[in-house]
Amino acid sequence: MKRLLPLYLTIFNGFVGYSLMIAVFTPLFIHGHGQLAPTQWSLGKRSVVLGIILSLYPLGQFIGSPILGALSDRFGRRLPLNVSIGLCVLGYVVIAYAVGGQVLWLLMAALFATGIIEANIAIAQSAIADVTAEAERGRRFGYIYVAVSLAYVIGPLVGGKLADPSLVSWFGPAIPFWATAILIAFSFLYTFGVFRETLPPDKRLKGTLAKSIVNIASIFTDCGIRRIYLSNFLLYLAIFGFFRCFPMFIVDEFGLDVSTESEFIAWVAVPIILMNFFVNALVFKRLSYRMAAVIGGVLMGGFMVIVVLPNEQWVLWITLFLVAAPLALCMTAIASLISSVVGADRQGRVMGNNQAIQVGAEGLSGILGGLIAAIAIWLPLVVLAGIAMAGVVLLIFKPLPAATDTC
């Protein structure tokens, strides 16, 4: 487990940064703030711009994930991981500068570029798969989402306070991103000194950068697993759409400030941590990854609808918990499922593609959520519930294909 700690730390850092973007940017744009989101803009326009802002980082990851995943199959995990972590520091410095200076175009460019760089999560997942037996994969991948969930607790809670000038006069929306840059700088030093290669030279694939860039095309051409890719895409669209859209709803519906909103974002991570530490491993001993994903997806979609029904703020503590628990089961199951149907020589490419699908869904969910929220602020959660059910249908009514199928 000690060997894998730098990898979980890499994943944690990536989601700390992105959870900050959701926590800080949502009230900033919904309520209106300076040149980034002028108050004279309508709520609909601010919602659309917010959706675009929240989509740029994952869209960058969509491009970067298959490239970094494939390059890690070619050159090993250590070199691409360390280079990308080092560049992430610069990315967050530029984000912080753009937020502090209220330069919208620079913020958008920095979010997109940092997403490309921080696609190293695909490398971390591949390295974990390198040293994990299939019987242990569900548990080890579950720890990935524990790291993600801890990021969604610590990032919004700490970032929400650092962004609140009522606590300290020099706090503001840029400070959390300066803090993240410092955190990742320390992480780089630790990973560079501790992490050791997990992919021996004799197991690496031969290839070129051009081949790595077009690797994402195998999402559509790999007949053996492309239906799993599609199902995962729909489920990721619902999962990460929920993370983006429920803050919009609660901020508008209950008039929350950044500090209070960040507490609810952090609360959603609590059941995810509990599920991955205490429940998911037991479920995977009794159910296949496929069946666990089906059950988690159905419950997640059903509970997502009820979030918009109560009109009392305190009820959110219950409804958000009910969504997040099956979400945790579904999220771990679908990543473990696709990893389990391919061999060790394809882990980097397949996990890179799956990460690209995940972040592509994240990016699309931001745009889609913003557009639908311009119609009605509660409507995105209902639409996302339907998308989750569509993803489940793909797993229920067709048998899983063999991973060796070709077109």
Protein backbone atom coordinates (compact mmCIF):
# COMPACT_ATOMS: atom_id res chain seq x y z
CA MET A 1 0.00 0.00 0.00
CA LYS A 2 2.90 2.35 0.75
CA ARG A 3 4.09 1.85 -2.83
CA LEU A 4 0.78 3.17 -4.13
CA LEU A 5 0.54 6.21 -1.85
CA PRO A 6 2.06 8.66 -4.39
CA LEU A 7 -0.54 7.49 -6.93
CA TYR A 8 -3.48 8.07 -4.61
CA LEU A 9 -1.95 11.43 -3.70
CA THR A 10 -1.83 12.38 -7.39
CA ILE A 11 -5.51 11.52 -7.77
CA PHE A 12 -6.35 13.41 -4.57
CA ASN A 13 -4.57 16.55 -5.78
CA GLY A 14 -6.34 16.50 -9.13
CA PHE A 15 -9.77 16.38 -7.56
CA VAL A 16 -8.91 18.93 -4.86
CA GLY A 17 -8.29 21.39 -7.66
CA TYR A 18 -11.46 20.52 -9.53
CA SER A 19 -13.66 20.45 -6.43
CA LEU A 20 -12.39 23.97 -5.73
CA MET A 21 -13.50 25.06 -9.19
CA ILE A 22 -17.04 23.83 -8.51
CA ALA A 23 -17.16 25.28 -4.99
CA VAL A 24 -15.64 28.67 -5.82
CA PHE A 25 -16.99 29.34 -9.31
CA THR A 26 -20.61 28.30 -8.70
CA PRO A 27 -21.62 31.05 -6.23
CA LEU A 28 -19.30 33.50 -7.99
CA PHE A 29 -21.17 33.11 -11.29
CA ILE A 30 -24.67 32.45 -9.94
CA HIS A 31 -24.60 35.54 -7.73
CA GLY A 32 -22.48 37.62 -10.12
CA HIS A 33 -18.99 38.97 -9.41
CA GLY A 34 -16.98 41.73 -11.08
CA GLN A 35 -15.69 41.25 -14.62
CA LEU A 36 -15.85 37.44 -14.49
CA ALA A 37 -19.64 37.38 -14.12
CA PRO A 38 -21.15 40.89 -14.22
CA THR A 39 -24.32 41.29 -12.18
CA GLN A 40 -26.09 42.82 -15.18
CA TRP A 41 -25.97 39.43 -16.89
CA SER A 42 -29.17 37.41 -16.53
CA LEU A 43 -29.16 34.27 -14.37
CA GLY A 44 -29.58 32.22 -17.54
CA LYS A 45 -26.48 33.75 -19.13
CA ARG A 46 -24.42 33.32 -15.95
CA SER A 47 -25.55 29.68 -15.75
CA VAL A 48 -24.44 29.03 -19.33
CA VAL A 49 -21.05 30.69 -18.79
CA LEU A 50 -20.61 28.75 -15.55
CA GLY A 51 -21.33 25.53 -17.43
CA ILE A 52 -18.66 26.40 -19.99
CA ILE A 53 -16.16 27.34 -17.28
CA LEU A 54 -16.71 24.04 -15.46
CA SER A 55 -16.38 22.09 -18.73
CA LEU A 56 -12.98 23.39 -19.82
CA TYR A 57 -10.83 21.51 -17.31
CA PRO A 58 -12.43 18.09 -17.98
CA LEU A 59 -12.40 18.74 -21.73
CA GLY A 60 -8.66 19.27 -21.41
CA GLN A 61 -8.43 15.97 -19.57
CA PHE A 62 -10.45 14.35 -22.36
CA ILE A 63 -7.64 15.21 -24.76
CA GLY A 64 -4.80 14.49 -22.35
CA SER A 65 -5.96 11.21 -20.80
CA PRO A 66 -5.58 8.83 -23.77
CA ILE A 67 -2.29 10.46 -24.73
CA LEU A 68 -0.75 10.18 -21.27
CA GLY A 69 -2.21 6.71 -20.77
CA ALA A 70 -0.72 5.44 -24.03
CA LEU A 71 2.61 7.18 -23.43
CA SER A 72 2.82 5.51 -20.04
CA ASP A 73 2.42 2.14 -21.81
CA ARG A 74 5.34 3.12 -24.04
CA PHE A 75 7.75 4.86 -21.66
CA GLY A 76 6.64 3.56 -18.26
CA ARG A 77 4.58 5.26 -15.58
CA ARG A 78 7.20 7.24 -13.65
CA LEU A 79 8.50 9.74 -16.24
CA PRO A 80 5.12 10.93 -17.63
CA LEU A 81 3.69 11.10 -14.10
CA ASN A 82 6.49 13.27 -12.70
CA VAL A 83 6.57 15.61 -15.69
CA SER A 84 2.83 16.17 -15.60
CA ILE A 85 2.75 16.84 -11.85
CA GLY A 86 5.51 19.43 -12.22
CA LEU A 87 3.61 21.24 -14.99
CA CYS A 88 0.42 21.22 -12.90
CA VAL A 89 2.04 23.63 -10.45
CA LEU A 90 2.39 26.21 -13.22
CA GLY A 91 -1.19 25.58 -14.34
CA TYR A 92 -2.67 26.44 -10.95
CA VAL A 93 -0.47 29.51 -10.62
CA VAL A 94 -1.98 30.86 -13.85
CA ILE A 95 -5.53 29.97 -12.73
CA ALA A 96 -4.99 31.83 -9.45
CA TYR A 97 -3.59 34.86 -11.28
CA ALA A 98 -6.53 34.90 -13.73
CA VAL A 99 -9.12 34.67 -10.94
CA GLY A 100 -7.42 37.37 -8.88
CA GLY A 101 -7.09 39.66 -11.90
CA GLN A 102 -10.62 38.82 -13.15
CA VAL A 103 -9.34 37.97 -16.64
CA LEU A 104 -11.98 35.64 -18.07
CA TRP A 105 -10.17 34.61 -21.27
CA LEU A 106 -6.99 33.75 -19.37
CA LEU A 107 -8.98 31.77 -16.81
CA MET A 108 -10.63 29.75 -19.57
CA ALA A 109 -7.32 29.04 -21.31
CA ALA A 110 -5.62 28.07 -18.04
CA LEU A 111 -8.43 25.71 -17.04
CA PHE A 112 -8.25 23.93 -20.40
CA ALA A 113 -4.45 23.65 -20.38
CA THR A 114 -4.33 22.46 -16.77
CA GLY A 115 -6.89 19.79 -17.61
CA ILE A 116 -4.62 18.42 -20.33
CA ILE A 117 -1.67 18.34 -17.95
CA GLU A 118 -3.58 16.87 -15.01
CA ALA A 119 -4.83 13.92 -17.05
CA ASN A 120 -2.12 12.04 -15.13
CA ILE A 121 -4.95 10.38 -13.18
CA ALA A 122 -5.02 7.84 -16.03
CA ILE A 123 -1.35 7.04 -15.36
CA ALA A 124 -2.03 6.61 -11.65
CA GLN A 125 -4.90 4.22 -12.35
CA SER A 126 -2.76 2.20 -14.76
CA ALA A 127 0.09 1.95 -12.25
CA ILE A 128 -2.32 0.73 -9.58
CA ALA A 129 -3.59 -1.91 -12.02
CA ASP A 130 0.02 -2.95 -12.77
CA VAL A 131 0.63 -4.17 -9.22
CA THR A 132 -2.88 -5.34 -8.28
CA ALA A 133 -4.29 -8.84 -8.77
CA GLU A 134 -7.74 -8.95 -10.35
CA ALA A 135 -9.30 -10.24 -7.13
CA GLU A 136 -8.06 -7.10 -5.35
CA ARG A 137 -8.85 -4.65 -8.15
CA GLY A 138 -12.26 -3.63 -6.84
CA ARG A 139 -10.80 -2.79 -3.44
CA ARG A 140 -7.79 -0.92 -4.80
CA PHE A 141 -9.91 0.98 -7.30
CA GLY A 142 -12.31 1.72 -4.47
CA TYR A 143 -9.44 3.48 -2.71
CA ILE A 144 -9.12 5.68 -5.80
CA TYR A 145 -12.60 6.99 -5.11
CA VAL A 146 -11.78 7.34 -1.42
CA ALA A 147 -9.00 9.70 -2.54
CA VAL A 148 -11.49 11.47 -4.82
CA SER A 149 -14.01 11.74 -2.00
CA LEU A 150 -11.48 13.04 0.50
CA ALA A 151 -10.60 15.68 -2.08
CA TYR A 152 -14.28 16.62 -2.30
CA VAL A 153 -14.37 16.97 1.50
CA ILE A 154 -11.12 18.81 2.10
CA GLY A 155 -11.07 20.88 -1.09
CA PRO A 156 -14.46 22.57 -0.74
CA LEU A 157 -14.28 22.94 3.05
CA VAL A 158 -10.82 24.50 3.08
CA GLY A 159 -11.25 26.28 -0.23
CA GLY A 160 -14.64 27.66 0.75
CA LYS A 161 -13.13 29.26 3.82
CA LEU A 162 -10.05 30.57 1.95
CA ALA A 163 -12.40 32.18 -0.59
CA ASP A 164 -14.45 33.96 2.08
CA PRO A 165 -13.13 37.50 2.81
CA SER A 166 -15.49 37.83 5.76
CA LEU A 167 -13.19 35.46 7.67
CA VAL A 168 -9.88 37.14 6.77
CA SER A 169 -9.67 40.38 4.82
CA TRP A 170 -7.16 39.13 2.23
CA PHE A 171 -9.01 35.88 1.53
CA GLY A 172 -10.80 35.70 -1.81
CA PRO A 173 -11.61 33.41 -4.76
CA ALA A 174 -7.99 33.27 -5.97
CA ILE A 175 -6.46 32.15 -2.66
CA PRO A 176 -7.64 28.49 -2.84
CA PHE A 177 -5.87 28.08 -6.19
CA TRP A 178 -2.62 29.54 -4.86
CA ALA A 179 -2.88 27.04 -2.00
CA THR A 180 -3.44 24.20 -4.49
CA ALA A 181 -0.33 25.20 -6.44
CA ILE A 182 1.71 24.95 -3.23
CA LEU A 183 0.14 21.59 -2.34
CA ILE A 184 0.97 20.11 -5.75
CA ALA A 185 4.53 21.46 -5.56
CA PHE A 186 5.09 19.47 -2.36
CA SER A 187 3.39 16.48 -3.97
CA PHE A 188 5.82 16.66 -6.89
CA LEU A 189 8.82 16.53 -4.57
CA TYR A 190 7.35 13.57 -2.69
CA THR A 191 6.38 11.59 -5.78
CA PHE A 192 9.69 12.26 -7.51
CA GLY A 193 11.58 10.93 -4.51
CA VAL A 194 9.35 7.98 -3.55
CA PHE A 195 7.51 6.56 -6.58
CA ARG A 196 9.19 3.66 -8.36
CA GLU A 197 8.37 2.31 -11.80
CA THR A 198 5.55 -0.28 -11.94
CA LEU A 199 5.78 -1.23 -15.63
CA PRO A 200 8.98 -3.17 -16.49
CA PRO A 201 10.62 -2.42 -19.86
CA ASP A 202 9.78 -5.86 -21.26
CA LYS A 203 6.04 -5.18 -20.80
CA ARG A 204 6.01 -1.80 -22.51
CA LEU A 205 4.42 -1.28 -25.91
CA LYS A 206 6.29 0.10 -28.87
CA GLY A 207 4.71 3.13 -30.45
CA THR A 208 5.00 6.77 -31.42
CA LEU A 209 3.50 10.00 -30.16
CA ALA A 210 1.24 10.13 -33.21
CA LYS A 211 -0.07 6.67 -32.37
CA SER A 212 -0.72 7.80 -28.81
CA ILE A 213 -2.63 10.85 -29.97
CA VAL A 214 -5.02 8.78 -32.11
CA ASN A 215 -5.35 6.13 -29.40
CA ILE A 216 -8.70 7.60 -28.37
CA ALA A 217 -10.17 6.37 -31.68
CA SER A 218 -10.11 2.83 -30.24
CA ILE A 219 -13.07 3.86 -28.06
CA PHE A 220 -15.14 3.54 -31.24
CA THR A 221 -13.21 0.79 -33.05
CA ASP A 222 -12.60 -1.70 -30.23
CA CYS A 223 -15.63 -3.93 -30.75
CA GLY A 224 -14.79 -5.98 -27.67
CA ILE A 225 -15.40 -3.22 -25.15
CA ARG A 226 -16.88 -0.22 -26.93
CA ARG A 227 -20.35 -0.94 -25.54
CA ILE A 228 -18.87 -0.83 -22.05
CA TYR A 229 -17.26 2.48 -22.98
CA LEU A 230 -20.69 3.81 -24.03
CA SER A 231 -22.39 2.62 -20.86
CA ASN A 232 -19.60 4.12 -18.75
CA PHE A 233 -19.93 7.41 -20.65
CA LEU A 234 -23.63 7.70 -19.84
CA LEU A 235 -23.12 6.77 -16.19
CA TYR A 236 -20.19 9.19 -15.85
CA LEU A 237 -22.34 11.88 -17.49
CA ALA A 238 -24.97 11.36 -14.79
CA ILE A 239 -22.44 11.08 -11.94
CA PHE A 240 -20.34 14.12 -12.70
CA GLY A 241 -23.32 16.05 -13.97
CA PHE A 242 -24.77 15.61 -10.51
CA PHE A 243 -21.62 17.05 -8.92
CA ARG A 244 -21.88 20.10 -11.19
CA CYS A 245 -25.62 20.68 -11.17
CA PHE A 246 -26.71 20.16 -7.58
CA PRO A 247 -24.56 23.12 -6.39
CA MET A 248 -26.26 25.34 -8.99
CA PHE A 249 -29.65 24.22 -7.71
CA ILE A 250 -28.98 24.65 -3.99
CA VAL A 251 -27.18 27.99 -4.40
CA ASP A 252 -30.10 29.43 -6.37
CA GLU A 253 -32.90 27.70 -4.45
CA PHE A 254 -31.63 28.52 -0.95
CA GLY A 255 -29.40 31.55 -1.62
CA LEU A 256 -26.26 29.90 -0.21
CA ASP A 257 -22.90 31.67 0.03
CA VAL A 258 -19.61 29.97 -0.89
CA SER A 259 -18.91 28.83 2.68
CA THR A 260 -22.28 27.11 3.21
CA GLU A 261 -22.37 25.68 -0.30
CA SER A 262 -18.92 24.15 0.19
CA GLU A 263 -20.19 22.30 3.27
CA PHE A 264 -22.87 20.54 1.22
CA ILE A 265 -20.35 19.67 -1.50
CA ALA A 266 -18.10 18.17 1.16
CA TRP A 267 -21.04 16.29 2.70
CA VAL A 268 -21.69 14.45 -0.58
CA ALA A 269 -18.21 12.93 -0.30
CA VAL A 270 -18.88 11.40 3.13
CA PRO A 271 -21.08 8.49 1.96
CA ILE A 272 -18.67 7.88 -0.93
CA ILE A 273 -15.84 7.42 1.56
CA LEU A 274 -17.96 5.17 3.77
CA MET A 275 -19.05 3.02 0.83
CA ASN A 276 -15.53 2.52 -0.49
CA PHE A 277 -14.04 1.76 2.91
CA PHE A 278 -16.74 -0.46 4.38
CA VAL A 279 -19.35 -1.56 1.83
CA ASN A 280 -18.09 -1.87 -1.74
CA ALA A 281 -15.56 -4.63 -1.07
CA LEU A 282 -18.33 -6.73 0.54
CA VAL A 283 -20.62 -6.10 -2.42
CA PHE A 284 -17.95 -7.14 -4.93
CA LYS A 285 -17.50 -10.47 -3.12
CA ARG A 286 -21.15 -11.28 -3.77
CA LEU A 287 -21.92 -9.50 -7.04
CA SER A 288 -20.11 -9.06 -10.33
CA TYR A 289 -18.86 -5.61 -11.23
CA ARG A 290 -21.56 -5.48 -13.90
CA MET A 291 -24.43 -6.22 -11.50
CA ALA A 292 -23.06 -3.82 -8.89
CA ALA A 293 -22.98 -1.08 -11.53
CA VAL A 294 -26.59 -1.84 -12.50
CA ILE A 295 -27.86 -1.67 -8.92
CA GLY A 296 -25.85 1.44 -8.12
CA GLY A 297 -26.98 3.19 -11.30
CA VAL A 298 -30.67 2.49 -10.72
CA LEU A 299 -30.61 3.70 -7.11
CA MET A 300 -28.50 6.74 -7.98
CA GLY A 301 -30.89 7.84 -10.74
CA GLY A 302 -33.96 7.29 -8.60
CA PHE A 303 -32.65 9.24 -5.62
CA MET A 304 -31.30 12.05 -7.84
CA VAL A 305 -34.84 13.12 -8.68
CA ILE A 306 -35.87 13.53 -5.05
CA VAL A 307 -33.16 16.14 -4.40
CA VAL A 308 -35.28 18.78 -6.17
CA LEU A 309 -38.53 17.96 -4.36
CA PRO A 310 -38.20 19.24 -0.75
CA ASN A 311 -38.22 22.98 -0.12
CA GLU A 312 -36.44 22.84 3.26
CA GLN A 313 -32.67 23.29 3.30
CA TRP A 314 -32.06 20.77 6.10
CA VAL A 315 -33.54 17.95 3.98
CA LEU A 316 -30.52 18.24 1.67
CA TRP A 317 -28.40 16.46 4.29
CA ILE A 318 -30.59 13.38 3.74
CA THR A 319 -31.29 13.51 0.02
CA LEU A 320 -27.69 14.21 -0.99
CA PHE A 321 -26.52 11.28 1.14
CA LEU A 322 -29.04 8.98 -0.54
CA VAL A 323 -27.73 9.89 -3.99
CA ALA A 324 -24.04 9.69 -3.11
CA ALA A 325 -24.06 6.20 -1.55
CA PRO A 326 -25.17 4.24 -4.67
CA LEU A 327 -23.17 6.69 -6.81
CA ALA A 328 -20.04 5.46 -5.01
CA LEU A 329 -20.90 1.83 -5.76
CA CYS A 330 -21.61 2.55 -9.43
CA MET A 331 -18.49 4.65 -9.97
CA THR A 332 -16.13 2.03 -8.55
CA ALA A 333 -17.87 -0.85 -10.32
CA ILE A 334 -17.72 0.60 -13.82
CA ALA A 335 -14.00 1.43 -13.57
CA SER A 336 -13.24 -2.04 -12.20
CA LEU A 337 -15.40 -3.66 -14.88
CA ILE A 338 -13.54 -2.23 -17.84
CA SER A 339 -10.13 -2.86 -16.24
CA SER A 340 -11.01 -6.50 -15.55
CA VAL A 341 -11.83 -7.40 -19.16
CA VAL A 342 -8.45 -6.48 -20.68
CA GLY A 343 -4.93 -7.80 -20.19
CA ALA A 344 -1.99 -6.11 -18.50
CA ASP A 345 -0.52 -4.96 -21.82
CA ARG A 346 -3.61 -2.81 -22.53
CA GLN A 347 -4.21 -1.29 -19.10
CA GLY A 348 -2.64 2.08 -19.90
CA ARG A 349 -4.54 2.56 -23.16
CA VAL A 350 -7.86 1.28 -21.88
CA MET A 351 -7.73 3.15 -18.57
CA GLY A 352 -6.57 6.25 -20.46
CA ASN A 353 -9.55 5.90 -22.79
CA ASN A 354 -11.90 5.32 -19.87
CA GLN A 355 -10.50 8.38 -18.11
CA ALA A 356 -11.02 10.34 -21.34
CA ILE A 357 -14.62 9.14 -21.44
CA GLN A 358 -15.05 10.16 -17.81
CA VAL A 359 -13.68 13.66 -18.22
CA GLY A 360 -15.39 14.07 -21.60
CA ALA A 361 -18.63 13.31 -19.81
CA GLU A 362 -17.63 15.77 -17.08
CA GLY A 363 -17.06 18.48 -19.65
CA LEU A 364 -20.28 17.79 -21.51
CA SER A 365 -22.22 17.69 -18.24
CA GLY A 366 -21.07 21.22 -17.43
CA ILE A 367 -22.25 22.58 -20.77
CA LEU A 368 -25.43 20.49 -20.80
CA GLY A 369 -26.24 21.37 -17.20
CA GLY A 370 -25.72 25.07 -17.81
CA LEU A 371 -27.96 25.09 -20.89
CA ILE A 372 -30.76 23.13 -19.19
CA ALA A 373 -30.47 25.21 -16.01
CA ALA A 374 -31.14 28.29 -18.14
CA ILE A 375 -34.62 26.78 -18.68
CA ALA A 376 -35.18 25.72 -15.05
CA ILE A 377 -32.52 25.45 -12.39
CA TRP A 378 -33.86 22.10 -11.11
CA LEU A 379 -34.29 20.44 -14.51
CA PRO A 380 -30.70 19.19 -15.05
CA LEU A 381 -30.95 16.78 -12.12
CA VAL A 382 -34.07 15.16 -13.59
CA VAL A 383 -32.47 14.84 -17.03
CA LEU A 384 -29.31 13.34 -15.52
CA ALA A 385 -31.39 10.74 -13.69
CA GLY A 386 -32.79 9.62 -17.05
CA ILE A 387 -29.29 9.44 -18.53
CA ALA A 388 -28.20 7.18 -15.65
CA MET A 389 -31.05 4.81 -16.41
CA ALA A 390 -30.02 4.70 -20.08
CA GLY A 391 -26.50 3.68 -19.06
CA VAL A 392 -27.90 0.92 -16.89
CA VAL A 393 -30.03 -0.41 -19.76
CA LEU A 394 -26.89 -1.02 -21.84
CA LEU A 395 -25.56 -3.29 -19.09
CA ILE A 396 -28.84 -5.13 -18.45
CA PHE A 397 -30.13 -6.18 -21.83
CA LYS A 398 -26.97 -7.23 -23.67
CA PRO A 399 -24.32 -9.72 -22.55
CA LEU A 400 -20.84 -8.38 -21.89
CA PRO A 401 -18.60 -8.90 -24.91
CA ALA A 402 -15.27 -10.68 -24.92
CA ALA A 403 -12.34 -8.31 -24.58
CA THR A 404 -10.60 -9.94 -27.54
CA ASP A 405 -13.33 -9.13 -30.07
CA THR A 406 -12.20 -7.09 -33.07
CA CYS A 407 -14.08 -5.22 -35.76
